[in-house]
Amino acid sequence: MLLKQKILDAIAGGRVSLVFRRWPRPVLAAGDLMPSPLGPLRVADAGMVEAAGLTPDDARAAGFADVPALLASLGEGDEPIYRVHLRLADEGEGVEIGPTAIKALRRRLDRHDRADGTPWTRPLLDALAAAPGCPASDLAATVGRPLPELRRALARLVDMGLVDAAGKGYALSPRGIAFVAAEKP
C-alpha cells in the first residue's frame, strides 16, 4: 500500500492513525509489518467497513475534516472499503510478513512469472539471498537474463519492497529476507 508523504508525516507525528482503501480483497491483516520511508509500519488492525458506518472520529483519525471528505478521497466504486489502523513499529520489532501479505506477494510474483512466460522471480530472489550486494551484471549471468531485462525485473522487485539498491549492487530488503525465509520449507 502506497502512502503519500504527508500521510506518512502525519502518522509519524501522531495526527493520523487510520487509512482507508477500496480493495477487492484484504491486502493487509492485523500484525503485518509494511515497509515505508519512515521505517516499518505495524498494522494494528484491518478490516472491512460499510460507508454508512464511518464516523467523524474515523475521518479525523485519517486526516480528513469530515466523513464526506473521506468518502470523496476513496472515489466511487463497488469494491469494499477497508479500515487499516497503522502505527510506527517499535524499535526492535524487526520485519515480519503476515500470512495475508505473503499470499499477496506470492500472487504478484506468480503474475510476473506468467507475464514473462518464464519463472524468474524466485530464482532472482534466491540469487540475491546467496550474494547480497551483487552487481546487476553478475546477477544477469547467474540467472541467465540479458542485463536490460534483469534491470527491469529488479525494478519490479524494488517496487514491491523486496529488493534494495546496495551500493553498486542489489540486496534483499528486510522485507525480502522475511519473504524468502517464509518461502523455505
N, C-alpha and C. Protein backbone atom coordinates (compact mmCIF):
# COMPACT_ATOMS: atom_id res chain seq x y z
N MET A 1 0.86 -1.16 0.00
CA MET A 1 0.00 0.00 0.00
C MET A 1 0.91 1.23 0.00
N LEU A 2 0.70 2.09 -0.97
CA LEU A 2 1.48 3.32 -1.05
C LEU A 2 0.79 4.41 -0.24
N LEU A 3 1.60 5.16 0.50
CA LEU A 3 1.08 6.27 1.29
C LEU A 3 1.80 7.54 0.87
N LYS A 4 1.04 8.62 0.73
CA LYS A 4 1.65 9.90 0.38
C LYS A 4 2.50 10.38 1.55
N GLN A 5 3.52 11.19 1.21
CA GLN A 5 4.45 11.67 2.22
C GLN A 5 3.73 12.43 3.33
N LYS A 6 2.70 13.22 2.98
CA LYS A 6 2.00 13.99 4.02
C LYS A 6 1.29 13.06 5.00
N ILE A 7 0.80 11.91 4.52
CA ILE A 7 0.17 10.94 5.41
C ILE A 7 1.24 10.27 6.28
N LEU A 8 2.38 9.93 5.68
CA LEU A 8 3.47 9.35 6.46
C LEU A 8 3.92 10.30 7.56
N ASP A 9 4.07 11.59 7.21
CA ASP A 9 4.47 12.59 8.20
C ASP A 9 3.43 12.69 9.32
N ALA A 10 2.15 12.63 8.95
CA ALA A 10 1.08 12.71 9.95
C ALA A 10 1.07 11.47 10.84
N ILE A 11 1.38 10.30 10.28
CA ILE A 11 1.48 9.09 11.10
C ILE A 11 2.63 9.24 12.09
N ALA A 12 3.78 9.72 11.60
CA ALA A 12 4.95 9.91 12.46
C ALA A 12 4.65 10.93 13.56
N GLY A 13 3.86 11.95 13.23
CA GLY A 13 3.51 12.99 14.21
C GLY A 13 2.34 12.63 15.09
N GLY A 14 1.75 11.45 14.89
CA GLY A 14 0.63 11.03 15.71
C GLY A 14 -0.70 11.66 15.35
N ARG A 15 -0.77 12.36 14.21
CA ARG A 15 -2.02 13.02 13.81
C ARG A 15 -2.91 12.11 12.99
N VAL A 16 -2.35 11.06 12.41
CA VAL A 16 -3.12 10.10 11.60
C VAL A 16 -2.81 8.70 12.11
N SER A 17 -3.86 7.91 12.30
CA SER A 17 -3.66 6.52 12.71
C SER A 17 -4.47 5.55 11.85
N LEU A 18 -5.38 6.09 11.03
CA LEU A 18 -6.21 5.24 10.17
C LEU A 18 -5.99 5.58 8.71
N VAL A 19 -6.05 4.56 7.88
CA VAL A 19 -6.01 4.73 6.43
C VAL A 19 -7.16 3.91 5.87
N PHE A 20 -7.85 4.45 4.88
CA PHE A 20 -8.97 3.75 4.26
C PHE A 20 -8.65 3.51 2.80
N ARG A 21 -8.99 2.33 2.31
CA ARG A 21 -8.77 1.98 0.91
C ARG A 21 -9.94 1.15 0.40
N ARG A 22 -10.14 1.22 -0.93
CA ARG A 22 -11.06 0.29 -1.60
C ARG A 22 -10.21 -0.81 -2.21
N TRP A 23 -10.46 -2.04 -1.81
CA TRP A 23 -9.74 -3.19 -2.31
C TRP A 23 -10.73 -4.30 -2.65
N PRO A 24 -10.44 -5.11 -3.66
CA PRO A 24 -11.34 -6.22 -3.97
C PRO A 24 -11.28 -7.32 -2.90
N ARG A 25 -10.17 -7.42 -2.19
CA ARG A 25 -9.99 -8.42 -1.13
C ARG A 25 -8.99 -7.84 -0.12
N PRO A 26 -8.93 -8.41 1.07
CA PRO A 26 -7.99 -7.89 2.07
C PRO A 26 -6.55 -7.94 1.57
N VAL A 27 -5.82 -6.88 1.80
CA VAL A 27 -4.42 -6.82 1.40
C VAL A 27 -3.51 -6.89 2.63
N LEU A 28 -3.97 -6.32 3.74
CA LEU A 28 -3.21 -6.32 4.98
C LEU A 28 -4.05 -6.92 6.09
N ALA A 29 -3.36 -7.47 7.08
CA ALA A 29 -4.05 -8.04 8.24
C ALA A 29 -3.37 -7.56 9.51
N ALA A 30 -4.08 -7.61 10.61
CA ALA A 30 -3.51 -7.22 11.90
C ALA A 30 -2.22 -7.99 12.14
N GLY A 31 -1.20 -7.26 12.57
CA GLY A 31 0.09 -7.86 12.84
C GLY A 31 1.09 -7.73 11.72
N ASP A 32 0.63 -7.44 10.50
CA ASP A 32 1.55 -7.28 9.38
C ASP A 32 2.45 -6.08 9.61
N LEU A 33 3.65 -6.16 9.07
CA LEU A 33 4.55 -5.02 9.01
C LEU A 33 4.67 -4.63 7.56
N MET A 34 4.59 -3.34 7.29
CA MET A 34 4.78 -2.91 5.91
C MET A 34 5.90 -1.88 5.88
N PRO A 35 6.77 -1.97 4.87
CA PRO A 35 7.87 -1.02 4.79
C PRO A 35 7.37 0.36 4.41
N SER A 36 8.09 1.37 4.87
CA SER A 36 7.81 2.75 4.47
C SER A 36 9.09 3.55 4.60
N PRO A 37 9.15 4.73 4.00
CA PRO A 37 10.34 5.57 4.15
C PRO A 37 10.61 5.96 5.61
N LEU A 38 9.60 5.88 6.47
CA LEU A 38 9.78 6.19 7.90
C LEU A 38 10.36 5.02 8.67
N GLY A 39 10.36 3.87 8.07
CA GLY A 39 10.66 2.63 8.77
C GLY A 39 9.40 1.78 8.74
N PRO A 40 9.47 0.59 9.31
CA PRO A 40 8.31 -0.30 9.24
C PRO A 40 7.09 0.28 9.96
N LEU A 41 5.93 0.06 9.35
CA LEU A 41 4.65 0.42 9.97
C LEU A 41 3.95 -0.87 10.38
N ARG A 42 3.45 -0.90 11.59
CA ARG A 42 2.73 -2.06 12.09
C ARG A 42 1.24 -1.88 11.81
N VAL A 43 0.61 -2.90 11.26
CA VAL A 43 -0.84 -2.90 11.08
C VAL A 43 -1.44 -3.39 12.40
N ALA A 44 -2.04 -2.46 13.15
CA ALA A 44 -2.63 -2.82 14.44
C ALA A 44 -3.96 -3.53 14.24
N ASP A 45 -4.68 -3.15 13.20
CA ASP A 45 -5.97 -3.75 12.91
C ASP A 45 -6.32 -3.44 11.46
N ALA A 46 -7.06 -4.30 10.83
CA ALA A 46 -7.51 -4.07 9.45
C ALA A 46 -8.79 -4.85 9.24
N GLY A 47 -9.75 -4.21 8.59
CA GLY A 47 -10.99 -4.91 8.32
C GLY A 47 -11.92 -4.11 7.44
N MET A 48 -12.91 -4.80 6.89
CA MET A 48 -13.88 -4.17 6.01
C MET A 48 -14.87 -3.35 6.84
N VAL A 49 -15.27 -2.19 6.29
CA VAL A 49 -16.27 -1.35 6.93
C VAL A 49 -17.28 -0.90 5.88
N GLU A 50 -18.48 -0.61 6.32
CA GLU A 50 -19.51 -0.06 5.43
C GLU A 50 -19.36 1.45 5.41
N ALA A 51 -19.60 2.07 4.26
CA ALA A 51 -19.52 3.52 4.16
C ALA A 51 -20.45 4.18 5.17
N ALA A 52 -21.63 3.61 5.36
CA ALA A 52 -22.60 4.18 6.30
C ALA A 52 -22.12 4.10 7.74
N GLY A 53 -21.17 3.22 8.02
CA GLY A 53 -20.67 3.05 9.37
C GLY A 53 -19.49 3.94 9.72
N LEU A 54 -19.00 4.72 8.76
CA LEU A 54 -17.87 5.61 9.02
C LEU A 54 -18.32 6.76 9.92
N THR A 55 -17.46 7.13 10.86
CA THR A 55 -17.80 8.17 11.83
C THR A 55 -16.91 9.39 11.65
N PRO A 56 -17.31 10.53 12.23
CA PRO A 56 -16.43 11.70 12.21
C PRO A 56 -15.07 11.41 12.85
N ASP A 57 -15.05 10.56 13.89
CA ASP A 57 -13.77 10.19 14.50
C ASP A 57 -12.89 9.42 13.52
N ASP A 58 -13.49 8.53 12.72
CA ASP A 58 -12.74 7.83 11.67
C ASP A 58 -12.11 8.83 10.71
N ALA A 59 -12.92 9.79 10.27
CA ALA A 59 -12.44 10.79 9.30
C ALA A 59 -11.27 11.57 9.88
N ARG A 60 -11.41 12.05 11.12
CA ARG A 60 -10.33 12.83 11.74
C ARG A 60 -9.07 11.98 11.92
N ALA A 61 -9.23 10.72 12.33
CA ALA A 61 -8.08 9.84 12.53
C ALA A 61 -7.37 9.52 11.22
N ALA A 62 -8.07 9.72 10.09
CA ALA A 62 -7.46 9.51 8.77
C ALA A 62 -6.98 10.82 8.14
N GLY A 63 -7.12 11.93 8.88
CA GLY A 63 -6.62 13.22 8.39
C GLY A 63 -7.61 14.01 7.58
N PHE A 64 -8.90 13.69 7.69
CA PHE A 64 -9.94 14.40 6.93
C PHE A 64 -10.81 15.21 7.88
N ALA A 65 -11.39 16.27 7.35
CA ALA A 65 -12.24 17.15 8.16
C ALA A 65 -13.55 16.46 8.54
N ASP A 66 -14.08 15.64 7.64
CA ASP A 66 -15.37 15.01 7.89
C ASP A 66 -15.52 13.76 7.03
N VAL A 67 -16.60 13.04 7.26
CA VAL A 67 -16.85 11.79 6.53
C VAL A 67 -17.01 12.01 5.03
N PRO A 68 -17.75 13.05 4.58
CA PRO A 68 -17.84 13.25 3.12
C PRO A 68 -16.47 13.44 2.45
N ALA A 69 -15.55 14.14 3.12
CA ALA A 69 -14.21 14.32 2.54
C ALA A 69 -13.47 12.98 2.46
N LEU A 70 -13.63 12.16 3.49
CA LEU A 70 -13.02 10.83 3.48
C LEU A 70 -13.58 9.99 2.34
N LEU A 71 -14.90 9.98 2.20
CA LEU A 71 -15.53 9.20 1.12
C LEU A 71 -15.12 9.71 -0.25
N ALA A 72 -15.00 11.03 -0.39
CA ALA A 72 -14.57 11.60 -1.68
C ALA A 72 -13.16 11.12 -2.03
N SER A 73 -12.30 10.97 -1.03
CA SER A 73 -10.92 10.51 -1.30
C SER A 73 -10.90 9.07 -1.80
N LEU A 74 -11.91 8.29 -1.43
CA LEU A 74 -11.98 6.89 -1.85
C LEU A 74 -12.55 6.72 -3.25
N GLY A 75 -13.22 7.76 -3.74
CA GLY A 75 -13.80 7.69 -5.07
C GLY A 75 -15.00 6.75 -5.11
N GLU A 76 -15.64 6.75 -6.26
CA GLU A 76 -16.78 5.86 -6.47
C GLU A 76 -16.25 4.46 -6.76
N GLY A 77 -17.03 3.49 -6.46
CA GLY A 77 -16.62 2.13 -6.78
C GLY A 77 -17.44 1.12 -6.03
N ASP A 78 -17.39 -0.11 -6.52
CA ASP A 78 -18.13 -1.20 -5.89
C ASP A 78 -17.26 -2.01 -4.94
N GLU A 79 -15.95 -1.75 -4.96
CA GLU A 79 -15.07 -2.52 -4.10
C GLU A 79 -15.32 -2.15 -2.64
N PRO A 80 -15.17 -3.12 -1.74
CA PRO A 80 -15.38 -2.84 -0.32
C PRO A 80 -14.36 -1.83 0.21
N ILE A 81 -14.74 -1.16 1.27
CA ILE A 81 -13.85 -0.21 1.95
C ILE A 81 -13.19 -0.94 3.11
N TYR A 82 -11.87 -0.76 3.23
CA TYR A 82 -11.12 -1.35 4.34
C TYR A 82 -10.54 -0.24 5.20
N ARG A 83 -10.67 -0.42 6.51
CA ARG A 83 -10.06 0.48 7.50
C ARG A 83 -8.79 -0.20 8.00
N VAL A 84 -7.67 0.52 7.92
CA VAL A 84 -6.38 -0.02 8.36
C VAL A 84 -5.83 0.91 9.44
N HIS A 85 -5.63 0.36 10.62
CA HIS A 85 -5.05 1.13 11.73
C HIS A 85 -3.54 0.89 11.71
N LEU A 86 -2.77 1.96 11.48
CA LEU A 86 -1.31 1.87 11.36
C LEU A 86 -0.63 2.61 12.50
N ARG A 87 0.56 2.13 12.83
CA ARG A 87 1.42 2.86 13.76
C ARG A 87 2.86 2.56 13.37
N LEU A 88 3.77 3.42 13.80
CA LEU A 88 5.18 3.13 13.59
C LEU A 88 5.53 1.89 14.40
N ALA A 89 6.28 1.00 13.79
CA ALA A 89 6.70 -0.20 14.50
C ALA A 89 7.69 0.20 15.59
N ASP A 90 7.61 -0.48 16.72
CA ASP A 90 8.55 -0.22 17.80
C ASP A 90 9.94 -0.65 17.38
N GLU A 91 10.94 0.05 17.89
CA GLU A 91 12.31 -0.31 17.57
C GLU A 91 12.56 -1.74 18.04
N GLY A 92 13.19 -2.51 17.20
CA GLY A 92 13.48 -3.89 17.55
C GLY A 92 12.39 -4.87 17.16
N GLU A 93 11.27 -4.39 16.62
CA GLU A 93 10.22 -5.31 16.20
C GLU A 93 10.65 -6.13 15.00
N GLY A 94 11.62 -5.61 14.25
CA GLY A 94 12.07 -6.32 13.07
C GLY A 94 11.03 -6.30 11.98
N VAL A 95 11.33 -6.99 10.92
CA VAL A 95 10.40 -7.04 9.80
C VAL A 95 9.85 -8.45 9.70
N GLU A 96 8.56 -8.55 9.86
CA GLU A 96 7.87 -9.82 9.67
C GLU A 96 6.87 -9.59 8.55
N ILE A 97 6.46 -10.66 7.95
CA ILE A 97 5.40 -10.55 6.95
C ILE A 97 4.31 -11.51 7.38
N GLY A 98 3.12 -11.00 7.54
CA GLY A 98 2.00 -11.84 7.93
C GLY A 98 1.53 -12.71 6.78
N PRO A 99 0.69 -13.68 7.08
CA PRO A 99 0.23 -14.62 6.05
C PRO A 99 -0.52 -13.95 4.90
N THR A 100 -1.28 -12.89 5.19
CA THR A 100 -2.01 -12.20 4.13
C THR A 100 -1.04 -11.53 3.16
N ALA A 101 -0.01 -10.87 3.71
CA ALA A 101 0.98 -10.21 2.86
C ALA A 101 1.79 -11.23 2.07
N ILE A 102 2.11 -12.36 2.68
CA ILE A 102 2.86 -13.41 1.96
C ILE A 102 2.04 -13.90 0.77
N LYS A 103 0.76 -14.17 0.99
CA LYS A 103 -0.10 -14.62 -0.11
C LYS A 103 -0.17 -13.58 -1.21
N ALA A 104 -0.29 -12.30 -0.83
CA ALA A 104 -0.37 -11.23 -1.83
C ALA A 104 0.94 -11.14 -2.62
N LEU A 105 2.08 -11.26 -1.93
CA LEU A 105 3.36 -11.23 -2.63
C LEU A 105 3.51 -12.43 -3.56
N ARG A 106 3.11 -13.61 -3.10
CA ARG A 106 3.18 -14.80 -3.97
C ARG A 106 2.36 -14.59 -5.23
N ARG A 107 1.15 -14.05 -5.07
CA ARG A 107 0.29 -13.81 -6.25
C ARG A 107 0.97 -12.84 -7.22
N ARG A 108 1.54 -11.76 -6.68
CA ARG A 108 2.19 -10.78 -7.56
C ARG A 108 3.40 -11.39 -8.26
N LEU A 109 4.21 -12.13 -7.53
CA LEU A 109 5.38 -12.76 -8.14
C LEU A 109 4.96 -13.78 -9.19
N ASP A 110 3.95 -14.58 -8.89
CA ASP A 110 3.45 -15.55 -9.87
C ASP A 110 2.93 -14.85 -11.12
N ARG A 111 2.26 -13.72 -10.93
CA ARG A 111 1.74 -12.94 -12.07
C ARG A 111 2.90 -12.44 -12.94
N HIS A 112 3.97 -11.96 -12.30
CA HIS A 112 5.15 -11.51 -13.07
C HIS A 112 5.75 -12.69 -13.85
N ASP A 113 5.85 -13.84 -13.20
CA ASP A 113 6.40 -15.02 -13.88
C ASP A 113 5.55 -15.40 -15.10
N ARG A 114 4.22 -15.42 -14.92
CA ARG A 114 3.33 -15.78 -16.04
C ARG A 114 3.42 -14.75 -17.16
N ALA A 115 3.47 -13.47 -16.81
CA ALA A 115 3.51 -12.42 -17.83
C ALA A 115 4.77 -12.52 -18.68
N ASP A 116 5.87 -12.92 -18.06
CA ASP A 116 7.13 -13.04 -18.80
C ASP A 116 7.30 -14.40 -19.45
N GLY A 117 6.40 -15.34 -19.14
CA GLY A 117 6.46 -16.65 -19.77
C GLY A 117 7.50 -17.58 -19.19
N THR A 118 8.19 -17.16 -18.15
CA THR A 118 9.20 -18.00 -17.53
C THR A 118 9.33 -17.61 -16.06
N PRO A 119 9.52 -18.59 -15.18
CA PRO A 119 9.68 -18.25 -13.77
C PRO A 119 11.05 -17.61 -13.52
N TRP A 120 11.05 -16.38 -13.11
CA TRP A 120 12.30 -15.66 -12.85
C TRP A 120 12.34 -15.05 -11.46
N THR A 121 11.19 -14.85 -10.83
CA THR A 121 11.18 -14.09 -9.58
C THR A 121 11.88 -14.84 -8.45
N ARG A 122 11.54 -16.10 -8.22
CA ARG A 122 12.15 -16.85 -7.11
C ARG A 122 13.64 -17.09 -7.35
N PRO A 123 14.05 -17.49 -8.59
CA PRO A 123 15.50 -17.64 -8.80
C PRO A 123 16.28 -16.35 -8.55
N LEU A 124 15.69 -15.21 -8.93
CA LEU A 124 16.38 -13.94 -8.71
C LEU A 124 16.45 -13.62 -7.22
N LEU A 125 15.36 -13.84 -6.49
CA LEU A 125 15.38 -13.62 -5.04
C LEU A 125 16.39 -14.55 -4.37
N ASP A 126 16.45 -15.81 -4.80
CA ASP A 126 17.41 -16.76 -4.24
C ASP A 126 18.84 -16.33 -4.53
N ALA A 127 19.09 -15.83 -5.75
CA ALA A 127 20.43 -15.36 -6.11
C ALA A 127 20.83 -14.17 -5.23
N LEU A 128 19.88 -13.28 -4.98
CA LEU A 128 20.17 -12.13 -4.11
C LEU A 128 20.40 -12.57 -2.67
N ALA A 129 19.68 -13.60 -2.22
CA ALA A 129 19.89 -14.11 -0.87
C ALA A 129 21.29 -14.72 -0.73
N ALA A 130 21.75 -15.36 -1.80
CA ALA A 130 23.06 -16.02 -1.77
C ALA A 130 24.21 -15.03 -1.92
N ALA A 131 23.96 -13.90 -2.57
CA ALA A 131 25.05 -12.95 -2.85
C ALA A 131 24.57 -11.51 -2.65
N PRO A 132 24.38 -11.07 -1.40
CA PRO A 132 23.93 -9.69 -1.16
C PRO A 132 24.94 -8.68 -1.71
N GLY A 133 24.43 -7.62 -2.30
CA GLY A 133 25.29 -6.57 -2.86
C GLY A 133 25.83 -6.90 -4.23
N CYS A 134 25.32 -7.95 -4.84
CA CYS A 134 25.79 -8.41 -6.14
C CYS A 134 25.45 -7.39 -7.23
N PRO A 135 26.42 -7.02 -8.09
CA PRO A 135 26.12 -6.11 -9.19
C PRO A 135 25.13 -6.74 -10.18
N ALA A 136 24.38 -5.90 -10.85
CA ALA A 136 23.36 -6.37 -11.80
C ALA A 136 23.98 -7.24 -12.89
N SER A 137 25.18 -6.90 -13.35
CA SER A 137 25.79 -7.69 -14.42
C SER A 137 26.07 -9.12 -13.96
N ASP A 138 26.52 -9.28 -12.71
CA ASP A 138 26.77 -10.63 -12.18
C ASP A 138 25.45 -11.38 -11.98
N LEU A 139 24.42 -10.67 -11.51
CA LEU A 139 23.11 -11.30 -11.34
C LEU A 139 22.56 -11.78 -12.67
N ALA A 140 22.74 -10.96 -13.72
CA ALA A 140 22.25 -11.33 -15.05
C ALA A 140 22.87 -12.64 -15.49
N ALA A 141 24.17 -12.79 -15.26
CA ALA A 141 24.85 -14.03 -15.63
C ALA A 141 24.36 -15.20 -14.77
N THR A 142 24.15 -14.95 -13.49
CA THR A 142 23.72 -16.00 -12.57
C THR A 142 22.35 -16.55 -12.93
N VAL A 143 21.42 -15.65 -13.26
CA VAL A 143 20.05 -16.11 -13.53
C VAL A 143 19.77 -16.27 -15.02
N GLY A 144 20.76 -15.96 -15.87
CA GLY A 144 20.62 -16.19 -17.31
C GLY A 144 19.64 -15.26 -18.01
N ARG A 145 19.66 -13.98 -17.64
CA ARG A 145 18.79 -12.99 -18.29
C ARG A 145 19.65 -11.88 -18.85
N PRO A 146 19.27 -11.31 -19.99
CA PRO A 146 20.00 -10.16 -20.50
C PRO A 146 19.95 -9.00 -19.49
N LEU A 147 21.02 -8.23 -19.42
CA LEU A 147 21.14 -7.16 -18.43
C LEU A 147 19.98 -6.16 -18.46
N PRO A 148 19.56 -5.65 -19.64
CA PRO A 148 18.44 -4.69 -19.62
C PRO A 148 17.15 -5.30 -19.06
N GLU A 149 16.92 -6.56 -19.40
CA GLU A 149 15.73 -7.27 -18.90
C GLU A 149 15.84 -7.47 -17.39
N LEU A 150 17.04 -7.80 -16.92
CA LEU A 150 17.25 -8.00 -15.49
C LEU A 150 17.03 -6.70 -14.72
N ARG A 151 17.49 -5.59 -15.26
CA ARG A 151 17.29 -4.30 -14.58
C ARG A 151 15.80 -3.99 -14.43
N ARG A 152 15.01 -4.30 -15.46
CA ARG A 152 13.55 -4.09 -15.35
C ARG A 152 12.97 -5.02 -14.29
N ALA A 153 13.46 -6.24 -14.25
CA ALA A 153 12.98 -7.20 -13.25
C ALA A 153 13.32 -6.72 -11.84
N LEU A 154 14.54 -6.23 -11.66
CA LEU A 154 14.95 -5.72 -10.35
C LEU A 154 14.08 -4.52 -9.95
N ALA A 155 13.76 -3.67 -10.91
CA ALA A 155 12.91 -2.51 -10.61
C ALA A 155 11.55 -2.96 -10.09
N ARG A 156 11.01 -4.03 -10.66
CA ARG A 156 9.72 -4.56 -10.17
C ARG A 156 9.84 -5.04 -8.73
N LEU A 157 10.94 -5.72 -8.42
CA LEU A 157 11.13 -6.23 -7.07
C LEU A 157 11.40 -5.10 -6.08
N VAL A 158 12.08 -4.06 -6.53
CA VAL A 158 12.28 -2.87 -5.69
C VAL A 158 10.93 -2.23 -5.39
N ASP A 159 10.09 -2.10 -6.42
CA ASP A 159 8.75 -1.51 -6.24
C ASP A 159 7.91 -2.31 -5.24
N MET A 160 8.13 -3.60 -5.16
CA MET A 160 7.38 -4.45 -4.23
C MET A 160 7.98 -4.42 -2.82
N GLY A 161 9.11 -3.73 -2.67
CA GLY A 161 9.74 -3.64 -1.36
C GLY A 161 10.56 -4.86 -0.98
N LEU A 162 10.88 -5.72 -1.96
CA LEU A 162 11.63 -6.94 -1.68
C LEU A 162 13.13 -6.78 -1.87
N VAL A 163 13.54 -5.78 -2.64
CA VAL A 163 14.94 -5.59 -3.00
C VAL A 163 15.31 -4.13 -2.80
N ASP A 164 16.55 -3.91 -2.35
CA ASP A 164 17.10 -2.56 -2.21
C ASP A 164 18.37 -2.45 -3.05
N ALA A 165 18.64 -1.24 -3.54
CA ALA A 165 19.93 -0.98 -4.15
C ALA A 165 20.95 -0.96 -3.01
N ALA A 166 22.07 -1.64 -3.19
CA ALA A 166 23.09 -1.73 -2.14
C ALA A 166 24.43 -1.33 -2.72
N GLY A 167 24.74 -0.04 -2.65
CA GLY A 167 25.99 0.45 -3.22
C GLY A 167 25.97 0.27 -4.72
N LYS A 168 26.88 -0.55 -5.24
CA LYS A 168 26.94 -0.78 -6.69
C LYS A 168 26.16 -2.02 -7.10
N GLY A 169 25.44 -2.60 -6.16
CA GLY A 169 24.69 -3.82 -6.46
C GLY A 169 23.31 -3.79 -5.86
N TYR A 170 22.77 -4.97 -5.67
CA TYR A 170 21.41 -5.13 -5.13
C TYR A 170 21.44 -6.16 -4.02
N ALA A 171 20.51 -6.00 -3.09
CA ALA A 171 20.39 -6.95 -1.98
C ALA A 171 18.92 -7.07 -1.60
N LEU A 172 18.57 -8.16 -0.94
CA LEU A 172 17.22 -8.28 -0.42
C LEU A 172 17.01 -7.23 0.66
N SER A 173 15.84 -6.63 0.66
CA SER A 173 15.46 -5.71 1.73
C SER A 173 15.10 -6.57 2.95
N PRO A 174 14.93 -5.95 4.12
CA PRO A 174 14.45 -6.74 5.26
C PRO A 174 13.14 -7.48 4.94
N ARG A 175 12.26 -6.83 4.19
CA ARG A 175 11.01 -7.49 3.81
C ARG A 175 11.30 -8.67 2.87
N GLY A 176 12.25 -8.48 1.94
CA GLY A 176 12.63 -9.56 1.03
C GLY A 176 13.23 -10.74 1.78
N ILE A 177 14.06 -10.45 2.78
CA ILE A 177 14.66 -11.51 3.59
C ILE A 177 13.57 -12.29 4.31
N ALA A 178 12.60 -11.56 4.89
CA ALA A 178 11.50 -12.22 5.59
C ALA A 178 10.66 -13.06 4.63
N PHE A 179 10.43 -12.54 3.42
CA PHE A 179 9.64 -13.29 2.45
C PHE A 179 10.36 -14.56 2.02
N VAL A 180 11.65 -14.45 1.69
CA VAL A 180 12.41 -15.62 1.26
C VAL A 180 12.44 -16.66 2.38
N ALA A 181 12.59 -16.22 3.62
CA ALA A 181 12.58 -17.15 4.75
C ALA A 181 11.22 -17.84 4.88
N ALA A 182 10.15 -17.10 4.64
CA ALA A 182 8.80 -17.68 4.72
C ALA A 182 8.54 -18.68 3.60
N GLU A 183 9.23 -18.53 2.48
CA GLU A 183 9.05 -19.43 1.33
C GLU A 183 9.77 -20.76 1.52
N LYS A 184 10.76 -20.77 2.40
CA LYS A 184 11.55 -22.00 2.61
C LYS A 184 10.77 -22.96 3.50
N PRO A 185 10.76 -24.25 3.15
CA PRO A 185 10.03 -25.23 3.98
C PRO A 185 10.67 -25.43 5.34
